[in-house]
N, C-alpha and C. Protein backbone atom coordinates (compact mmCIF):
# COMPACT_ATOMS: atom_id res chain seq x y z
N MET A 1 0.75 -1.02 -0.19
CA MET A 1 -0.18 -0.12 -0.11
C MET A 1 0.71 1.17 -0.14
N SER A 2 0.53 2.33 -0.81
CA SER A 2 1.21 3.38 -0.71
C SER A 2 0.37 4.49 -1.11
N ILE A 3 0.52 5.49 -0.27
CA ILE A 3 -0.18 6.95 -0.36
C ILE A 3 0.42 8.08 -0.33
N TRP A 4 0.32 8.99 -1.19
CA TRP A 4 1.12 10.28 -0.98
C TRP A 4 0.42 11.54 -1.39
N TRP A 5 0.63 12.77 -0.57
CA TRP A 5 -0.06 13.70 -0.94
C TRP A 5 0.82 15.14 -0.74
N SER A 6 0.88 15.87 -1.69
CA SER A 6 1.61 17.29 -1.29
C SER A 6 0.85 18.31 -1.40
N LEU A 7 1.28 19.51 -0.52
CA LEU A 7 0.45 20.56 -0.23
C LEU A 7 1.23 21.83 -0.59
N HIS A 8 0.77 22.87 -1.09
CA HIS A 8 1.47 24.25 -1.37
C HIS A 8 0.63 25.25 -0.52
N LEU A 9 1.40 25.43 0.63
CA LEU A 9 0.51 26.27 1.71
C LEU A 9 1.19 27.53 1.83
N ARG A 10 0.28 28.51 2.08
CA ARG A 10 0.75 30.03 2.36
C ARG A 10 1.72 29.96 3.83
N ARG A 11 2.38 31.00 3.96
CA ARG A 11 3.09 30.88 5.04
C ARG A 11 2.37 31.78 6.13
N GLU A 12 1.41 31.20 6.88
CA GLU A 12 0.38 31.76 7.56
C GLU A 12 -0.12 30.45 8.51
N ALA A 13 0.02 30.91 10.14
CA ALA A 13 -0.26 30.11 11.17
C ALA A 13 -1.76 29.33 10.78
N ALA A 14 -2.53 29.59 9.97
CA ALA A 14 -3.61 28.57 9.78
C ALA A 14 -3.25 27.67 8.87
N SER A 15 -2.19 27.78 8.22
CA SER A 15 -1.56 26.69 7.44
C SER A 15 -1.19 25.28 8.34
N VAL A 16 -0.78 25.73 9.39
CA VAL A 16 -0.28 24.54 10.22
C VAL A 16 -1.60 23.20 10.64
N PRO A 17 -2.42 23.80 11.21
CA PRO A 17 -3.58 23.00 11.48
C PRO A 17 -4.10 22.27 10.24
N LEU A 18 -4.30 22.78 9.10
CA LEU A 18 -4.69 22.20 7.86
C LEU A 18 -3.87 21.31 7.42
N ALA A 19 -2.33 21.13 7.54
CA ALA A 19 -1.47 19.95 7.29
C ALA A 19 -1.65 19.17 8.24
N ARG A 20 -1.76 19.54 9.64
CA ARG A 20 -2.07 18.35 10.49
C ARG A 20 -3.32 17.62 10.46
N ARG A 21 -4.10 18.10 10.19
CA ARG A 21 -5.83 17.54 9.91
C ARG A 21 -5.65 16.60 8.74
N LEU A 22 -4.92 16.95 7.49
CA LEU A 22 -4.96 16.21 6.40
C LEU A 22 -4.22 14.80 6.72
N LEU A 23 -2.98 14.92 7.36
CA LEU A 23 -2.29 13.98 7.75
C LEU A 23 -2.89 12.93 8.73
N LEU A 24 -3.73 13.61 9.85
CA LEU A 24 -4.32 12.39 10.67
C LEU A 24 -5.34 11.92 10.06
N GLY A 25 -6.17 12.71 9.19
CA GLY A 25 -7.32 12.10 8.08
C GLY A 25 -6.85 11.00 7.54
N THR A 26 -5.69 11.13 6.73
CA THR A 26 -4.86 10.07 5.99
C THR A 26 -4.93 8.85 6.75
N MET A 27 -4.22 8.96 7.93
CA MET A 27 -3.57 7.77 8.47
C MET A 27 -4.83 7.36 9.42
N GLU A 28 -5.98 7.98 9.82
CA GLU A 28 -7.06 7.33 10.06
C GLU A 28 -7.68 6.48 9.34
N THR A 29 -7.69 7.04 8.12
CA THR A 29 -8.48 6.28 6.90
C THR A 29 -7.73 4.91 6.58
N ALA A 30 -6.22 5.07 6.86
CA ALA A 30 -5.43 3.95 6.26
C ALA A 30 -5.32 2.96 7.33
N GLY A 31 -5.63 3.31 8.50
CA GLY A 31 -5.67 2.26 9.91
C GLY A 31 -4.57 2.62 10.43
N VAL A 32 -3.81 3.61 10.59
CA VAL A 32 -2.64 3.71 11.04
C VAL A 32 -2.88 3.66 12.37
N ASP A 33 -2.03 2.96 13.54
CA ASP A 33 -2.34 3.26 15.19
C ASP A 33 -2.65 4.64 15.45
N PRO A 34 -3.16 5.04 16.31
CA PRO A 34 -3.32 6.28 16.85
C PRO A 34 -2.22 7.05 17.45
N ASP A 35 -1.46 6.23 18.15
CA ASP A 35 -0.32 6.83 19.00
C ASP A 35 0.93 7.08 17.77
N ILE A 36 0.93 6.53 16.90
CA ILE A 36 1.90 6.75 15.97
C ILE A 36 1.40 7.98 15.18
N SER A 37 -0.03 8.07 14.75
CA SER A 37 -0.37 9.45 14.01
C SER A 37 -0.32 10.36 14.91
N PHE A 38 -0.54 10.41 16.11
CA PHE A 38 -0.41 11.57 16.94
C PHE A 38 1.03 12.31 16.90
N ASP A 39 2.25 10.98 16.86
CA ASP A 39 3.53 11.44 17.12
C ASP A 39 3.87 12.33 15.79
N LEU A 40 3.49 11.65 14.64
CA LEU A 40 3.89 12.39 13.29
C LEU A 40 2.89 13.66 13.07
N SER A 41 2.07 13.57 13.55
CA SER A 41 1.19 15.01 13.59
C SER A 41 1.63 15.99 14.62
N VAL A 42 2.26 15.72 15.39
CA VAL A 42 3.03 16.77 16.29
C VAL A 42 4.37 17.18 15.63
N ALA A 43 5.02 16.19 15.00
CA ALA A 43 6.34 16.72 14.57
C ALA A 43 5.87 17.44 13.27
N LEU A 44 4.84 17.09 12.69
CA LEU A 44 4.34 17.90 11.30
C LEU A 44 4.07 19.32 11.76
N SER A 45 3.56 19.20 12.95
CA SER A 45 3.08 20.78 13.06
C SER A 45 4.18 21.51 13.49
N GLU A 46 5.29 20.97 14.59
CA GLU A 46 6.48 21.70 14.55
C GLU A 46 7.20 22.21 13.25
N ALA A 47 7.34 21.18 12.34
CA ALA A 47 8.19 21.55 11.10
C ALA A 47 7.24 22.68 10.46
N CYS A 48 5.86 22.68 10.30
CA CYS A 48 5.22 23.49 9.69
C CYS A 48 5.35 25.13 10.38
N ALA A 49 5.10 24.89 11.54
CA ALA A 49 5.29 26.06 12.44
C ALA A 49 6.78 27.00 12.18
N ASN A 50 7.78 25.95 12.10
CA ASN A 50 9.16 26.39 11.91
C ASN A 50 9.14 27.04 10.53
N ALA A 51 8.78 26.62 9.54
CA ALA A 51 8.45 27.02 7.81
C ALA A 51 7.65 28.38 8.11
N VAL A 52 6.67 28.42 8.73
CA VAL A 52 5.81 29.74 8.85
C VAL A 52 6.56 30.80 9.47
N GLU A 53 7.15 30.46 10.72
CA GLU A 53 7.91 31.59 11.45
C GLU A 53 9.18 32.06 10.74
N HIS A 54 9.94 31.23 10.14
CA HIS A 54 11.40 31.37 9.45
C HIS A 54 11.43 31.14 7.93
N GLY A 55 10.43 30.71 7.20
CA GLY A 55 10.84 30.35 5.93
C GLY A 55 10.23 30.81 4.80
N GLY A 56 10.49 32.18 5.01
CA GLY A 56 10.65 33.18 3.83
C GLY A 56 10.88 34.45 4.04
N ARG A 57 11.29 35.15 3.17
CA ARG A 57 12.10 36.62 3.46
C ARG A 57 11.07 37.59 3.58
N ALA A 58 9.76 37.34 3.34
CA ALA A 58 9.00 38.43 3.75
C ALA A 58 7.53 37.64 4.13
N PRO A 59 6.65 38.49 5.00
CA PRO A 59 5.60 37.53 5.19
C PRO A 59 4.69 37.49 4.04
N ALA A 60 3.74 36.36 4.12
CA ALA A 60 3.11 36.14 3.04
C ALA A 60 2.03 37.17 2.33
N ARG A 61 1.45 37.98 3.37
CA ARG A 61 0.63 39.16 3.01
C ARG A 61 1.40 40.21 2.30
N GLU A 62 2.88 40.38 2.31
CA GLU A 62 3.44 41.46 1.71
C GLU A 62 3.88 40.92 0.44
N VAL A 63 4.11 39.86 0.21
CA VAL A 63 4.75 39.32 -1.09
C VAL A 63 3.81 38.07 -1.56
N PRO A 64 3.25 38.12 -2.65
CA PRO A 64 2.42 36.75 -3.09
C PRO A 64 2.94 35.90 -3.70
N ASP A 65 4.31 35.92 -3.75
CA ASP A 65 4.99 34.79 -4.71
C ASP A 65 5.73 33.67 -3.85
N GLU A 66 6.54 33.02 -4.32
CA GLU A 66 6.79 31.74 -3.54
C GLU A 66 7.38 32.07 -2.09
N THR A 67 8.09 33.28 -2.04
CA THR A 67 8.63 33.52 -0.36
C THR A 67 7.58 33.57 0.60
N GLY A 68 6.18 33.55 -0.01
CA GLY A 68 5.20 33.56 1.19
C GLY A 68 4.47 32.01 1.01
N ALA A 69 5.34 31.01 0.78
CA ALA A 69 4.61 29.74 0.90
C ALA A 69 6.08 28.70 1.30
N PHE A 70 5.12 27.53 1.83
CA PHE A 70 6.04 26.40 2.07
C PHE A 70 5.22 25.04 1.38
N HIS A 71 5.83 24.09 1.40
CA HIS A 71 5.52 22.86 0.78
C HIS A 71 5.63 21.60 1.80
N VAL A 72 4.48 20.91 1.77
CA VAL A 72 4.32 19.75 2.68
C VAL A 72 4.37 18.48 1.92
N THR A 73 5.05 17.50 1.95
CA THR A 73 4.84 16.21 1.27
C THR A 73 4.44 15.15 2.27
N ALA A 74 3.74 14.21 2.26
CA ALA A 74 3.77 13.00 3.07
C ALA A 74 3.72 11.88 2.22
N TYR A 75 4.46 10.64 2.73
CA TYR A 75 4.24 9.40 1.90
C TYR A 75 3.98 8.42 2.78
N LEU A 76 3.15 7.47 2.52
CA LEU A 76 2.59 6.25 3.46
C LEU A 76 3.27 5.44 2.36
N ASP A 77 4.56 4.56 2.79
CA ASP A 77 4.71 3.65 1.56
C ASP A 77 5.29 2.31 2.70
N GLY A 78 4.26 1.21 2.43
CA GLY A 78 4.62 -0.34 3.19
C GLY A 78 4.26 0.34 4.69
N ASP A 79 5.41 0.05 5.44
CA ASP A 79 5.39 0.09 6.91
C ASP A 79 6.14 1.40 7.26
N ARG A 80 6.12 2.55 6.48
CA ARG A 80 6.92 3.68 6.80
C ARG A 80 6.12 5.05 6.31
N CYS A 81 6.04 5.84 7.04
CA CYS A 81 5.68 7.12 6.88
C CYS A 81 6.84 8.18 6.63
N ARG A 82 6.83 8.84 5.67
CA ARG A 82 7.99 9.88 5.44
C ARG A 82 7.29 11.25 5.10
N ILE A 83 7.84 12.26 5.86
CA ILE A 83 7.15 13.64 5.83
C ILE A 83 8.30 14.69 5.50
N GLU A 84 8.02 15.57 4.70
CA GLU A 84 9.00 16.65 4.02
C GLU A 84 8.32 17.83 4.05
N VAL A 85 9.09 19.03 4.90
CA VAL A 85 8.53 20.24 4.68
C VAL A 85 9.69 21.25 4.21
N ALA A 86 9.41 22.00 3.34
CA ALA A 86 10.31 22.65 2.77
C ALA A 86 10.01 24.05 2.22
N ASP A 87 10.63 25.09 3.02
CA ASP A 87 10.59 26.61 2.71
C ASP A 87 11.36 27.21 1.77
N SER A 88 11.12 28.62 1.99
CA SER A 88 11.78 29.32 0.78
C SER A 88 12.96 30.29 1.44
N GLY A 89 13.27 29.95 3.00
CA GLY A 89 13.63 31.08 3.73
C GLY A 89 15.03 30.98 3.51
N PRO A 90 16.06 31.71 4.35
CA PRO A 90 17.50 31.73 4.56
C PRO A 90 17.90 30.29 4.75
N GLY A 91 17.58 29.29 5.36
CA GLY A 91 17.98 27.84 5.61
C GLY A 91 18.50 27.96 7.18
N PHE A 92 18.80 26.68 7.32
CA PHE A 92 19.42 26.47 8.72
C PHE A 92 20.82 26.97 9.03
N PRO A 93 21.01 27.57 10.30
CA PRO A 93 22.45 27.56 10.47
C PRO A 93 23.24 26.09 10.22
N ALA A 94 24.74 26.60 10.09
CA ALA A 94 25.29 25.32 9.70
C ALA A 94 25.33 24.36 10.88
N ALA A 95 25.13 24.62 11.95
CA ALA A 95 25.33 23.79 13.20
C ALA A 95 24.18 22.92 13.27
N THR A 96 22.80 23.67 12.87
CA THR A 96 21.61 22.63 12.92
C THR A 96 21.76 21.71 11.63
N VAL A 97 22.21 22.01 10.39
CA VAL A 97 22.43 21.15 9.54
C VAL A 97 23.39 19.92 9.82
N ALA A 98 24.60 20.58 10.71
CA ALA A 98 25.59 19.58 10.87
C ALA A 98 25.00 18.39 11.77
N ARG A 99 24.53 18.73 12.90
CA ARG A 99 23.79 17.89 13.90
C ARG A 99 23.01 18.86 14.69
N HIS A 100 21.70 18.84 14.85
CA HIS A 100 21.07 19.75 15.92
C HIS A 100 21.33 19.08 17.16
N ARG A 101 21.43 20.23 17.98
CA ARG A 101 21.58 20.21 19.25
C ARG A 101 20.58 20.56 20.23
N PRO A 102 19.84 19.97 20.98
CA PRO A 102 18.76 20.25 21.73
C PRO A 102 19.10 21.65 22.71
N SER A 103 18.25 22.66 22.74
CA SER A 103 18.78 23.85 23.61
C SER A 103 17.63 24.04 24.47
N LEU A 104 18.09 24.93 25.64
CA LEU A 104 17.06 25.45 26.58
C LEU A 104 16.61 26.60 26.10
N ALA A 105 17.23 27.31 24.81
CA ALA A 105 16.69 28.68 24.41
C ALA A 105 15.22 28.75 24.41
N GLU A 106 14.51 29.87 23.96
CA GLU A 106 13.31 30.09 23.79
C GLU A 106 12.84 29.46 22.30
N HIS A 107 13.96 29.49 21.35
CA HIS A 107 13.66 28.96 19.98
C HIS A 107 14.28 27.72 19.75
N GLY A 108 14.01 26.98 18.99
CA GLY A 108 14.83 25.71 18.56
C GLY A 108 14.40 24.37 19.27
N ARG A 109 13.44 24.55 20.11
CA ARG A 109 12.87 23.29 20.85
C ARG A 109 12.12 22.54 19.90
N GLY A 110 11.75 22.94 18.92
CA GLY A 110 10.70 22.10 18.09
C GLY A 110 11.35 21.33 17.10
N LEU A 111 12.43 21.54 16.89
CA LEU A 111 13.38 20.85 16.08
C LEU A 111 13.90 19.44 16.63
N HIS A 112 14.11 19.82 18.33
CA HIS A 112 14.52 18.72 19.15
C HIS A 112 13.07 17.62 19.31
N LEU A 113 11.95 18.37 19.55
CA LEU A 113 10.88 17.58 19.48
C LEU A 113 10.67 16.68 18.35
N ILE A 114 10.82 17.16 17.06
CA ILE A 114 10.78 16.33 16.10
C ILE A 114 11.70 15.13 16.01
N GLU A 115 12.74 15.47 16.38
CA GLU A 115 13.76 14.35 16.58
C GLU A 115 13.42 13.27 17.68
N GLN A 116 12.65 13.77 18.64
CA GLN A 116 12.28 12.78 19.50
C GLN A 116 11.14 11.89 19.09
N LEU A 117 10.24 12.35 18.28
CA LEU A 117 8.91 11.88 17.90
C LEU A 117 9.05 10.85 16.60
N ALA A 118 10.34 11.27 15.73
CA ALA A 118 10.50 10.57 14.45
C ALA A 118 11.49 9.69 14.80
N ASP A 119 11.88 8.41 13.68
CA ASP A 119 12.75 7.52 14.10
C ASP A 119 14.10 8.16 13.28
N HIS A 120 14.08 8.86 12.10
CA HIS A 120 15.07 9.54 11.51
C HIS A 120 14.66 10.99 10.91
N VAL A 121 15.50 11.89 11.24
CA VAL A 121 15.36 13.26 10.93
C VAL A 121 16.72 13.87 10.23
N ARG A 122 16.32 14.61 8.99
CA ARG A 122 17.27 15.22 8.22
C ARG A 122 16.80 16.64 8.21
N PHE A 123 18.00 17.49 8.57
CA PHE A 123 17.62 18.96 8.21
C PHE A 123 18.94 19.07 7.17
N ARG A 124 18.31 20.06 6.08
CA ARG A 124 19.45 20.27 5.00
C ARG A 124 18.79 21.71 4.62
N ASN A 125 19.62 22.36 3.88
CA ASN A 125 19.71 23.65 2.98
C ASN A 125 19.63 23.21 1.58
N ARG A 126 18.86 24.05 1.11
CA ARG A 126 18.86 24.26 -0.63
C ARG A 126 19.47 25.56 -1.05
N PRO A 127 20.66 25.63 -1.22
CA PRO A 127 21.23 27.14 -1.24
C PRO A 127 20.37 28.07 -2.30
N GLY A 128 20.22 29.07 -1.71
CA GLY A 128 19.41 30.08 -2.28
C GLY A 128 17.84 29.84 -2.23
N ARG A 129 17.36 28.61 -2.03
CA ARG A 129 16.03 28.26 -2.13
C ARG A 129 15.57 27.71 -0.93
N GLY A 130 16.03 27.71 0.27
CA GLY A 130 15.51 27.36 1.66
C GLY A 130 15.78 26.40 2.29
N ALA A 131 15.11 25.77 3.33
CA ALA A 131 15.31 24.70 4.21
C ALA A 131 14.40 23.62 4.04
N VAL A 132 14.86 22.60 4.16
CA VAL A 132 13.87 21.10 4.22
C VAL A 132 14.20 20.49 5.61
N VAL A 133 13.06 20.00 5.93
CA VAL A 133 13.11 18.95 7.24
C VAL A 133 12.55 17.68 6.74
N SER A 134 12.92 16.66 6.84
CA SER A 134 12.30 15.63 6.44
C SER A 134 12.18 14.61 7.49
N PHE A 135 11.51 13.85 7.87
CA PHE A 135 11.66 12.85 9.09
C PHE A 135 10.88 11.47 8.62
N ASP A 136 11.30 10.49 9.10
CA ASP A 136 10.12 9.15 8.96
C ASP A 136 10.17 8.47 10.35
N LYS A 137 9.17 7.74 10.14
CA LYS A 137 8.78 6.75 11.19
C LYS A 137 7.92 5.54 10.67
N MET A 138 8.36 4.34 11.50
CA MET A 138 7.81 3.10 11.05
C MET A 138 6.42 3.25 11.41
N LEU A 139 5.38 2.47 10.64
CA LEU A 139 4.17 2.51 11.21
C LEU A 139 3.68 1.39 11.70
N LYS A 140 2.56 1.49 12.36
CA LYS A 140 1.96 0.35 13.33
C LYS A 140 0.53 0.59 12.76
N TRP A 141 -0.07 -0.69 12.79
CA TRP A 141 -1.42 -0.67 12.15
C TRP A 141 -2.54 -1.21 13.21
N ARG A 142 -3.76 -0.57 13.21
CA ARG A 142 -4.77 -1.00 14.01
C ARG A 142 -5.31 -2.24 13.56
N ASP A 143 -5.83 -3.12 14.09
CA ASP A 143 -6.26 -4.41 13.81
C ASP A 143 -7.27 -4.68 12.61
N ASP A 144 -8.31 -3.29 12.85
CA ASP A 144 -9.14 -3.23 11.82
C ASP A 144 -8.86 -2.62 10.38
N ALA A 145 -7.44 -2.26 10.55
CA ALA A 145 -7.10 -1.36 9.36
C ALA A 145 -7.29 -1.92 7.87
N LEU A 146 -8.06 -1.00 7.08
CA LEU A 146 -8.39 -1.26 5.73
C LEU A 146 -7.06 -1.47 4.86
N LEU A 147 -6.25 -0.75 5.06
CA LEU A 147 -4.83 -0.98 3.95
C LEU A 147 -3.57 -1.35 4.80
N LYS A 148 -3.92 -2.15 5.77
CA LYS A 148 -2.83 -2.79 6.53
C LYS A 148 -1.74 -3.38 5.52
N VAL A 149 -0.53 -3.23 6.05
CA VAL A 149 0.51 -3.91 5.34
C VAL A 149 0.52 -5.44 5.87
N SER A 150 0.69 -6.40 4.93
CA SER A 150 1.15 -7.82 5.72
C SER A 150 2.35 -8.21 6.14
C-alpha cells in the first residue's frame, strides 16, 4: 500500500492545523495506530510552524510569490511514513544542518521535539532556495485497518 500527497501552503499560522488535519485524516483512513499518528502529527506541526516563522524573506501578506509559501509532502509507503517540509527562507544555521543540538533557548525546541518523535530526521539547506526538514517513522496498524501492510 502506498499513499502520498503534497501541499503548497501560504506561510500563515492557519496552514499548520490544515496540514496536521490532512495527515491525521489520511492515517485514520489508512488504519495507522493512533499513537503513531499523533506523534507524526505533532512533528509535522512543529516543522510547519518553523516554516511559517522562518521560512521566507517576507510575510505572505506582503509578497504573494514563492517567498510566502512552503511545501509539505507526506508518503505512506508500506510500513513507513516519510514527511518533508520545505520552505523558501534563509535556511538552517550550519550547526543545525551538521547535527541539531537540543537547546534550552526560547527557540529551537521544536526541532528537538521532531527528533524525539520520529525515527530518522534530516535537516538540510537548498542554497538560495530555503530549508528542508524531512523525517520518517515506522508505522503500526490498527487490527481493523483497511490498508494494513501484511
